[in-house]
Amino acid sequence: MAQPPAGSPPQPGGGMDRDRGGWGGGPGMRGGFRIAPPGIWWHNPDLIQKLTLTPDQQKKMDDILQQSKLQLIDLRANVEKQEVLMEPMLAANPPDTNRILAQIDQTAQARAELEKANAKMLLAIRNVLTPDQWTKLQAEGRERRHMRMQGGPEGPGRAPDGQGPPPGGPGGGEGM
C-alpha cells in the first residue's frame, strides 16, 4: 500500500503508516465514516481549484488536523496495547474464556474511542467547507471511484503511469 501524505494523522484500524486510500472508510473503518479523500487532500492543487478553497479554509483544516494528531496517536496506541494484551490469552491452553471475552470488550472499547475521535476530526474538517464545496467534493469522490472501478485512465489499482498503486492509494482506505 502507498504511504499516506506527510503529516497525515494516524488512522483507526491500520498501522500508523498505512494508506487511507479511496475517499474514506478503510482498515478498521470498513464501510465506516466517509467524507472526503484520504490524507491532506485540501493541499491537492487540483482539488483546491475545483472547490475554490481559500487559504483561510486550508489553514483551519491544518489546525484541526494538528490539534487531533496527539489524541489519535494515543488512542491508536491504546488499541494496539489492548490487542497485544489479548495475544497470550488466546495462545493459552486451555483458554480462559471469561478473561478473553473481557479483553475483547476492552479492545472493542479502545477501537470505538479511536473511531469516535477520528470521526469528530473529520466532521470538523468537513464543517470548514461551504455547502457548494461539499457537494463538489462528493461529486469528485464519486467520479474518482467510478474511474477506478471502470479501469479509467489510471486503470484499476494503477498509477497514471501504469506503475504501482494510484496516488492516494486503493479505495476503501481510512481517514476522510
Protein backbone atom coordinates (compact mmCIF):
# COMPACT_ATOMS: atom_id res chain seq x y z
CA MET A 1 0.00 0.00 0.00
CA ALA A 2 1.13 3.55 -0.65
CA GLN A 3 2.30 5.77 2.16
CA PRO A 4 -0.08 8.47 3.41
CA PRO A 5 0.71 12.10 2.74
CA ALA A 6 3.27 13.61 5.10
CA GLY A 7 1.65 14.99 8.22
CA SER A 8 -1.40 12.75 7.99
CA PRO A 9 -2.91 11.62 11.28
CA PRO A 10 -2.73 8.04 12.45
CA GLN A 11 -5.74 6.12 11.27
CA PRO A 12 -8.02 3.76 13.11
CA GLY A 13 -7.68 0.07 12.45
CA GLY A 14 -4.46 0.28 10.48
CA GLY A 15 -0.83 0.88 11.29
CA MET A 16 0.34 4.42 11.78
CA ASP A 17 1.84 4.44 8.27
CA ARG A 18 -0.96 2.66 6.43
CA ASP A 19 -2.60 4.34 3.50
CA ARG A 20 -6.08 5.70 3.80
CA GLY A 21 -6.80 5.21 0.13
CA GLY A 22 -10.13 5.89 -1.53
CA TRP A 23 -12.44 8.55 -0.19
CA GLY A 24 -12.83 7.43 3.40
CA GLY A 25 -13.51 4.32 5.48
CA GLY A 26 -10.71 1.73 5.46
CA PRO A 27 -8.97 -0.83 7.63
CA GLY A 28 -10.71 -0.63 10.95
CA MET A 29 -13.38 1.58 9.42
CA ARG A 30 -14.56 -0.70 6.66
CA GLY A 31 -17.74 0.84 5.37
CA GLY A 32 -17.39 3.41 8.14
CA PHE A 33 -17.43 7.17 8.28
CA ARG A 34 -16.59 8.50 4.81
CA ILE A 35 -16.50 12.15 4.00
CA ALA A 36 -13.57 13.08 1.77
CA PRO A 37 -10.35 11.99 0.02
CA PRO A 38 -7.53 10.48 2.05
CA GLY A 39 -4.84 12.38 3.83
CA ILE A 40 -4.33 16.10 3.49
CA TRP A 41 -6.47 16.45 0.38
CA TRP A 42 -7.00 20.18 0.92
CA HIS A 43 -3.41 20.74 -0.27
CA ASN A 44 -4.07 18.99 -3.59
CA PRO A 45 -3.82 21.78 -6.24
CA ASP A 46 -6.50 20.15 -8.40
CA LEU A 47 -8.99 19.99 -5.51
CA ILE A 48 -8.08 23.50 -4.33
CA GLN A 49 -9.04 24.79 -7.76
CA LYS A 50 -12.15 22.64 -8.21
CA LEU A 51 -13.51 23.51 -4.77
CA THR A 52 -12.17 27.09 -4.76
CA LEU A 53 -10.67 26.51 -1.32
CA THR A 54 -9.36 29.63 0.36
CA PRO A 55 -6.04 29.82 2.21
CA ASP A 56 -8.06 30.51 5.37
CA GLN A 57 -10.02 27.27 4.90
CA GLN A 58 -6.81 25.33 4.34
CA LYS A 59 -5.30 26.81 7.50
CA LYS A 60 -8.40 25.92 9.52
CA MET A 61 -8.23 22.31 8.27
CA ASP A 62 -4.49 22.16 9.03
CA ASP A 63 -5.19 23.43 12.55
CA ILE A 64 -7.90 20.81 13.12
CA LEU A 65 -5.57 18.08 11.92
CA GLN A 66 -2.72 19.29 14.11
CA GLN A 67 -4.93 19.54 17.20
CA SER A 68 -6.17 15.97 16.66
CA LYS A 69 -2.84 14.24 15.98
CA LEU A 70 -1.65 13.60 19.53
CA GLN A 71 -5.02 12.31 20.68
CA LEU A 72 -5.27 10.00 17.67
CA ILE A 73 -1.74 8.70 18.26
CA ASP A 74 -2.55 7.92 21.90
CA LEU A 75 -5.84 6.25 21.03
CA ARG A 76 -4.23 4.13 18.29
CA ALA A 77 -1.51 3.08 20.75
CA ASN A 78 -4.21 2.02 23.21
CA VAL A 79 -5.89 -0.15 20.55
CA GLU A 80 -2.55 -1.83 19.83
CA LYS A 81 -1.92 -2.30 23.56
CA GLN A 82 -5.29 -3.98 24.04
CA GLU A 83 -4.64 -6.27 21.07
CA VAL A 84 -1.21 -7.22 22.45
CA LEU A 85 -2.71 -7.97 25.86
CA MET A 86 -5.14 -10.40 24.24
CA GLU A 87 -2.50 -12.39 22.33
CA PRO A 88 -1.23 -14.52 25.24
CA MET A 89 -4.80 -15.11 26.40
CA LEU A 90 -5.67 -16.57 23.02
CA ALA A 91 -2.49 -18.67 22.97
CA ALA A 92 -3.15 -20.20 26.40
CA ASN A 93 -4.19 -23.84 26.56
CA PRO A 94 -6.86 -24.08 27.75
CA PRO A 95 -8.06 -20.54 27.03
CA ASP A 96 -9.77 -18.63 29.82
CA THR A 97 -12.99 -17.70 28.04
CA ASN A 98 -14.09 -15.13 30.62
CA ARG A 99 -10.75 -13.28 30.55
CA ILE A 100 -10.71 -13.33 26.73
CA LEU A 101 -14.26 -12.01 26.50
CA ALA A 102 -13.41 -9.22 28.95
CA GLN A 103 -10.32 -8.34 26.89
CA ILE A 104 -12.39 -8.38 23.69
CA ASP A 105 -14.65 -5.80 25.35
CA GLN A 106 -11.61 -3.68 26.31
CA THR A 107 -10.26 -3.87 22.75
CA ALA A 108 -13.62 -3.01 21.23
CA GLN A 109 -13.97 -0.03 23.57
CA ALA A 110 -10.50 1.22 22.62
CA ARG A 111 -11.37 0.93 18.93
CA ALA A 112 -14.67 2.74 19.48
CA GLU A 113 -12.87 5.63 21.20
CA LEU A 114 -10.42 5.87 18.31
CA GLU A 115 -13.19 5.75 15.69
CA LYS A 116 -15.15 8.43 17.51
CA ALA A 117 -12.16 10.78 17.80
CA ASN A 118 -11.31 10.27 14.13
CA ALA A 119 -14.92 10.90 13.08
CA LYS A 120 -15.03 14.09 15.16
CA MET A 121 -11.86 15.33 13.47
CA LEU A 122 -13.22 14.52 10.01
CA LEU A 123 -16.52 16.21 10.76
CA ALA A 124 -14.73 19.33 11.98
CA ILE A 125 -12.73 19.44 8.74
CA ARG A 126 -15.90 18.87 6.69
CA ASN A 127 -17.60 21.76 8.51
CA VAL A 128 -14.95 24.16 7.18
CA LEU A 129 -16.37 23.67 3.68
CA THR A 130 -19.30 25.59 2.26
CA PRO A 131 -22.34 23.56 1.14
CA ASP A 132 -21.30 24.09 -2.50
CA GLN A 133 -17.74 22.93 -1.82
CA TRP A 134 -19.05 19.86 -0.01
CA THR A 135 -21.29 18.98 -2.97
CA LYS A 136 -18.35 19.35 -5.37
CA LEU A 137 -16.11 17.24 -3.14
CA GLN A 138 -18.68 14.44 -3.01
CA ALA A 139 -19.07 14.56 -6.80
CA GLU A 140 -15.29 14.38 -7.21
CA GLY A 141 -15.19 11.33 -4.96
CA ARG A 142 -17.91 9.57 -6.94
CA GLU A 143 -16.11 10.37 -10.19
CA ARG A 144 -12.78 9.02 -8.92
CA ARG A 145 -14.37 5.82 -7.57
CA HIS A 146 -16.18 5.30 -10.86
CA MET A 147 -12.96 5.80 -12.84
CA ARG A 148 -11.13 3.26 -10.68
CA MET A 149 -13.95 0.73 -10.92
CA GLN A 150 -14.22 1.14 -14.69
CA GLY A 151 -10.46 0.92 -15.20
CA GLY A 152 -10.30 4.52 -16.40
CA PRO A 153 -7.11 6.34 -17.34
CA GLU A 154 -5.38 5.11 -14.21
CA GLY A 155 -6.76 1.60 -14.62
CA PRO A 156 -7.90 -0.43 -11.65
CA GLY A 157 -5.26 -0.21 -8.96
CA ARG A 158 -2.69 1.54 -11.17
CA ALA A 159 -0.98 4.90 -11.10
CA PRO A 160 -1.36 7.27 -14.08
CA ASP A 161 1.92 5.93 -15.48
CA GLY A 162 0.68 2.34 -15.06
CA GLN A 163 3.33 1.67 -12.42
CA GLY A 164 2.07 0.67 -8.97
CA PRO A 165 -0.88 1.96 -6.99
CA PRO A 166 -2.64 5.20 -7.89
CA PRO A 167 -1.82 8.35 -5.97
CA GLY A 168 -3.87 8.30 -2.79
CA GLY A 169 -3.92 4.52 -2.81
CA PRO A 170 -6.65 2.00 -3.49
CA GLY A 171 -10.26 2.57 -2.49
CA GLY A 172 -11.67 1.84 0.92
CA GLY A 173 -8.91 3.46 2.93
CA GLU A 174 -9.30 5.43 6.14
CA GLY A 175 -9.48 8.95 7.11
CA MET A 176 -11.50 11.40 5.09
